[in-house]
Amino acid sequence: MRMLLKVQMDTTASNEAIRQGTLPGIMEKAMGELRPEAAYFTTQDGCRTAFIFFELVDSSQMPKFSEPFFLQLGAKVSYTPVMNREELAKGLAAMAAGD
């Protein structure tokens, strides 16, 4: 299932990761594990924030994907199922057909 993984990094922990030079490696390793369709980086609620769109094959993968952000960046992590345009059209067509 396509997911939006939102990662809000703790400012103090991410500042330290930047100072130590470890933030690029943390993010590269995470991107290698997640193999995202897209990833965007911004600020939200005063925090460094990543929006990562990826395919979650099984819910048992959630700890593997979440824990590095929790442990290394003190992050808040959330998962939200999402659809692309084609999936929305398919869902609406099925709804209209009474499926």
C-alpha atoms as a PDB file:
ATOM      1  CA  MET A   1       0.000   0.000   0.000  1.00  0.00           C
ATOM      2  CA  ARG A   2       1.285   3.451  -0.891  1.00  0.00           C
ATOM      3  CA  MET A   3       2.054   5.429   2.260  1.00  0.00           C
ATOM      4  CA  LEU A   4       3.007   8.927   3.215  1.00  0.00           C
ATOM      5  CA  LEU A   5       5.628   8.751   5.945  1.00  0.00           C
ATOM      6  CA  LYS A   6       5.882  12.090   7.726  1.00  0.00           C
ATOM      7  CA  VAL A   7       9.037  12.571   9.785  1.00  0.00           C
ATOM      8  CA  GLN A   8       9.270  15.642  12.022  1.00  0.00           C
ATOM      9  CA  MET A   9      12.785  15.835  13.418  1.00  0.00           C
ATOM     10  CA  ASP A  10      13.537  17.174  16.870  1.00  0.00           C
ATOM     11  CA  THR A  11      15.425  20.440  16.406  1.00  0.00           C
ATOM     12  CA  THR A  12      18.075  19.752  19.042  1.00  0.00           C
ATOM     13  CA  ALA A  13      18.753  16.196  17.835  1.00  0.00           C
ATOM     14  CA  SER A  14      18.814  17.177  14.151  1.00  0.00           C
ATOM     15  CA  ASN A  15      21.045  20.196  14.886  1.00  0.00           C
ATOM     16  CA  GLU A  16      23.500  17.823  16.557  1.00  0.00           C
ATOM     17  CA  ALA A  17      23.303  15.420  13.594  1.00  0.00           C
ATOM     18  CA  ILE A  18      24.125  18.327  11.279  1.00  0.00           C
ATOM     19  CA  ARG A  19      27.034  19.442  13.489  1.00  0.00           C
ATOM     20  CA  GLN A  20      28.382  15.893  13.660  1.00  0.00           C
ATOM     21  CA  GLY A  21      27.912  15.417   9.902  1.00  0.00           C
ATOM     22  CA  THR A  22      25.677  12.371  10.381  1.00  0.00           C
ATOM     23  CA  LEU A  23      22.359  13.709   9.035  1.00  0.00           C
ATOM     24  CA  PRO A  24      23.162  13.082   5.349  1.00  0.00           C
ATOM     25  CA  GLY A  25      24.092   9.470   6.126  1.00  0.00           C
ATOM     26  CA  ILE A  26      20.976   8.904   8.235  1.00  0.00           C
ATOM     27  CA  MET A  27      18.774  10.194   5.415  1.00  0.00           C
ATOM     28  CA  GLU A  28      20.624   8.268   2.692  1.00  0.00           C
ATOM     29  CA  LYS A  29      20.340   5.018   4.628  1.00  0.00           C
ATOM     30  CA  ALA A  30      16.622   5.633   5.224  1.00  0.00           C
ATOM     31  CA  MET A  31      16.031   6.403   1.537  1.00  0.00           C
ATOM     32  CA  GLY A  32      17.868   3.216   0.605  1.00  0.00           C
ATOM     33  CA  GLU A  33      15.614   1.173   2.889  1.00  0.00           C
ATOM     34  CA  LEU A  34      12.371   2.925   1.906  1.00  0.00           C
ATOM     35  CA  ARG A  35      13.055   3.192  -1.841  1.00  0.00           C
ATOM     36  CA  PRO A  36      10.605   6.108  -2.039  1.00  0.00           C
ATOM     37  CA  GLU A  37       8.526   7.080  -5.023  1.00  0.00           C
ATOM     38  CA  ALA A  38       9.167  10.679  -3.933  1.00  0.00           C
ATOM     39  CA  ALA A  39      10.613  12.490  -0.936  1.00  0.00           C
ATOM     40  CA  TYR A  40      10.212  16.156  -0.043  1.00  0.00           C
ATOM     41  CA  PHE A  41      11.869  18.144   2.718  1.00  0.00           C
ATOM     42  CA  THR A  42      10.550  21.323   4.329  1.00  0.00           C
ATOM     43  CA  THR A  43       9.654  22.773   7.702  1.00  0.00           C
ATOM     44  CA  GLN A  44       6.354  22.232   9.491  1.00  0.00           C
ATOM     45  CA  ASP A  45       5.350  23.333  12.977  1.00  0.00           C
ATOM     46  CA  GLY A  46       8.862  24.728  13.416  1.00  0.00           C
ATOM     47  CA  CYS A  47      10.538  21.352  12.748  1.00  0.00           C
ATOM     48  CA  ARG A  48      12.612  19.967   9.930  1.00  0.00           C
ATOM     49  CA  THR A  49      10.112  17.717   8.188  1.00  0.00           C
ATOM     50  CA  ALA A  50      10.298  15.029   5.514  1.00  0.00           C
ATOM     51  CA  PHE A  51       7.331  13.790   3.485  1.00  0.00           C
ATOM     52  CA  ILE A  52       8.261  10.414   2.031  1.00  0.00           C
ATOM     53  CA  PHE A  53       5.978   8.497  -0.340  1.00  0.00           C
ATOM     54  CA  PHE A  54       6.740   4.791  -0.531  1.00  0.00           C
ATOM     55  CA  GLU A  55       5.201   1.334  -0.850  1.00  0.00           C
ATOM     56  CA  LEU A  56       4.577  -0.391   2.503  1.00  0.00           C
ATOM     57  CA  VAL A  57       4.443  -4.082   1.656  1.00  0.00           C
ATOM     58  CA  ASP A  58       3.685  -5.285   5.186  1.00  0.00           C
ATOM     59  CA  SER A  59       2.926  -3.467   8.436  1.00  0.00           C
ATOM     60  CA  SER A  60       5.740  -5.426  10.084  1.00  0.00           C
ATOM     61  CA  GLN A  61       8.146  -3.123   8.187  1.00  0.00           C
ATOM     62  CA  MET A  62       7.049  -0.100  10.221  1.00  0.00           C
ATOM     63  CA  PRO A  63       9.565  -0.550  13.082  1.00  0.00           C
ATOM     64  CA  LYS A  64      12.428  -1.014  10.604  1.00  0.00           C
ATOM     65  CA  PHE A  65      11.499   2.233   8.864  1.00  0.00           C
ATOM     66  CA  SER A  66      10.536   4.268  11.966  1.00  0.00           C
ATOM     67  CA  GLU A  67      13.115   3.390  14.604  1.00  0.00           C
ATOM     68  CA  PRO A  68      16.130   5.065  12.975  1.00  0.00           C
ATOM     69  CA  PHE A  69      14.222   8.352  12.933  1.00  0.00           C
ATOM     70  CA  PHE A  70      13.096   7.905  16.552  1.00  0.00           C
ATOM     71  CA  LEU A  71      16.482   6.805  17.851  1.00  0.00           C
ATOM     72  CA  GLN A  72      18.807   9.068  15.876  1.00  0.00           C
ATOM     73  CA  LEU A  73      16.718  12.209  15.390  1.00  0.00           C
ATOM     74  CA  GLY A  74      14.131  12.175  18.181  1.00  0.00           C
ATOM     75  CA  ALA A  75      11.527  12.427  15.422  1.00  0.00           C
ATOM     76  CA  LYS A  76       7.757  12.283  15.446  1.00  0.00           C
ATOM     77  CA  VAL A  77       6.704   9.757  12.817  1.00  0.00           C
ATOM     78  CA  SER A  78       3.311   9.175  11.225  1.00  0.00           C
ATOM     79  CA  TYR A  79       2.007   6.937   8.453  1.00  0.00           C
ATOM     80  CA  THR A  80      -0.943   7.840   6.230  1.00  0.00           C
ATOM     81  CA  PRO A  81      -2.293   5.666   3.400  1.00  0.00           C
ATOM     82  CA  VAL A  82      -2.444   7.683   0.169  1.00  0.00           C
ATOM     83  CA  MET A  83      -3.656   7.240  -3.409  1.00  0.00           C
ATOM     84  CA  ASN A  84      -2.374   8.592  -6.677  1.00  0.00           C
ATOM     85  CA  ARG A  85      -4.713  10.017  -9.304  1.00  0.00           C
ATOM     86  CA  GLU A  86      -5.275   6.700 -11.068  1.00  0.00           C
ATOM     87  CA  GLU A  87      -6.082   4.895  -7.822  1.00  0.00           C
ATOM     88  CA  LEU A  88      -8.582   7.574  -6.877  1.00  0.00           C
ATOM     89  CA  ALA A  89     -10.288   7.243 -10.273  1.00  0.00           C
ATOM     90  CA  LYS A  90     -10.423   3.454  -9.875  1.00  0.00           C
ATOM     91  CA  GLY A  91     -11.913   3.754  -6.390  1.00  0.00           C
ATOM     92  CA  LEU A  92     -14.532   6.262  -7.502  1.00  0.00           C
ATOM     93  CA  ALA A  93     -15.467   4.111 -10.505  1.00  0.00           C
ATOM     94  CA  ALA A  94     -15.885   1.066  -8.253  1.00  0.00           C
ATOM     95  CA  MET A  95     -18.015   3.106  -5.893  1.00  0.00           C
ATOM     96  CA  ALA A  96     -20.242   4.297  -8.743  1.00  0.00           C
ATOM     97  CA  ALA A  97     -20.599   0.705  -9.992  1.00  0.00           C
ATOM     98  CA  GLY A  98     -21.711  -0.416  -6.551  1.00  0.00           C
ATOM     99  CA  ASP A  99     -18.692  -2.670  -5.968  1.00  0.00           C
END
